[in-house]
Protein backbone atom coordinates (compact mmCIF):
# COMPACT_ATOMS: atom_id res chain seq x y z
CA MET A 1 -1.83 -6.48 -2.56
CA ILE A 2 -0.41 -8.40 -5.24
CA HIS A 3 -2.10 -11.25 -7.07
CA ARG A 4 -0.93 -14.69 -6.28
CA PRO A 5 -3.42 -17.05 -8.09
CA GLY A 6 -1.66 -20.31 -6.46
CA MET A 7 -3.02 -19.50 -2.80
CA GLN A 8 -6.67 -20.26 -2.75
CA GLU A 9 -6.42 -18.60 1.12
CA ASP A 10 -5.28 -15.07 -0.47
CA GLN A 11 -7.54 -14.99 -3.07
CA ASN A 12 -10.22 -15.72 -0.81
CA THR A 13 -8.84 -12.62 1.61
CA MET A 14 -7.81 -10.18 -1.35
CA ARG A 15 -11.83 -10.85 -2.51
CA TYR A 16 -12.88 -9.26 0.51
CA LEU A 17 -10.84 -6.52 1.00
CA GLN A 18 -11.57 -5.77 -2.80
CA ASP A 19 -15.16 -6.08 -2.31
CA SER A 20 -15.05 -4.21 1.39
CA GLY A 21 -12.76 -1.16 -0.71
CA TRP A 22 -10.24 -1.55 1.77
CA CYS A 23 -7.40 -2.61 -1.09
CA GLU A 24 -6.29 -2.89 -4.82
CA VAL A 25 -4.63 -5.93 -6.31
CA ILE A 26 -1.91 -5.48 -8.50
CA SER A 27 0.33 -8.23 -10.59
CA TRP A 28 3.96 -8.48 -10.01
CA GLU A 29 4.42 -7.16 -12.98
CA GLU A 30 2.84 -3.89 -12.51
CA LEU A 31 5.06 -3.92 -8.92
CA GLY A 32 7.62 -2.07 -10.54
CA HIS A 33 5.20 0.80 -11.44
CA VAL A 34 3.37 2.09 -8.46
CA GLN A 35 3.56 5.55 -7.18
CA ILE A 36 3.23 4.60 -3.87
CA ASN A 37 2.15 8.25 -2.85
CA ASN A 38 -1.07 7.33 -5.18
CA TYR A 39 -2.35 4.80 -2.78
CA ILE A 40 -1.49 6.54 0.38
CA LYS A 41 -3.33 9.50 1.90
CA GLN A 42 -0.82 12.27 3.56
CA ALA A 43 -1.39 12.82 7.08
CA LYS A 44 -2.12 16.57 7.54
CA HIS A 45 -0.86 16.71 11.16
CA SER A 46 2.30 16.38 13.50
CA PRO A 47 3.18 12.32 13.65
CA SER A 48 1.97 11.77 17.43
CA ASN A 49 3.51 8.22 17.74
CA GLU A 50 6.65 6.20 16.69
CA VAL A 51 4.78 4.46 13.77
CA GLU A 52 3.55 7.31 12.05
CA THR A 53 7.25 9.25 12.55
CA LEU A 54 8.79 6.38 11.18
CA ALA A 55 5.74 6.37 8.27
CA THR A 56 6.60 9.87 7.67
CA ALA A 57 10.12 9.21 7.28
CA VAL A 58 9.79 6.73 5.03
CA PHE A 59 7.03 8.72 2.60
CA ALA A 60 9.90 11.45 2.46
CA VAL A 61 12.01 8.71 1.03
CA LEU A 62 9.90 7.73 -1.30
CA ASP A 63 9.08 11.51 -2.23
CA ARG A 64 12.90 12.26 -2.74
CA ASN A 65 13.04 8.90 -5.08
CA GLU A 66 10.34 9.60 -7.26
């Protein structure tokens, strides 16, 4: 998640997600340097639905651009 200090609702949601281990929070400046594959677990099976098929295609494009 991207840190947006001006939104109290965001702060509460981010705190909950961070405390639960469901996300990491970064700044806008850090976003440009994020290597997405470090944060996403790659599926080790064939896509079983359209969402997985689309996600697999997006990750393939990202891999080629790194």
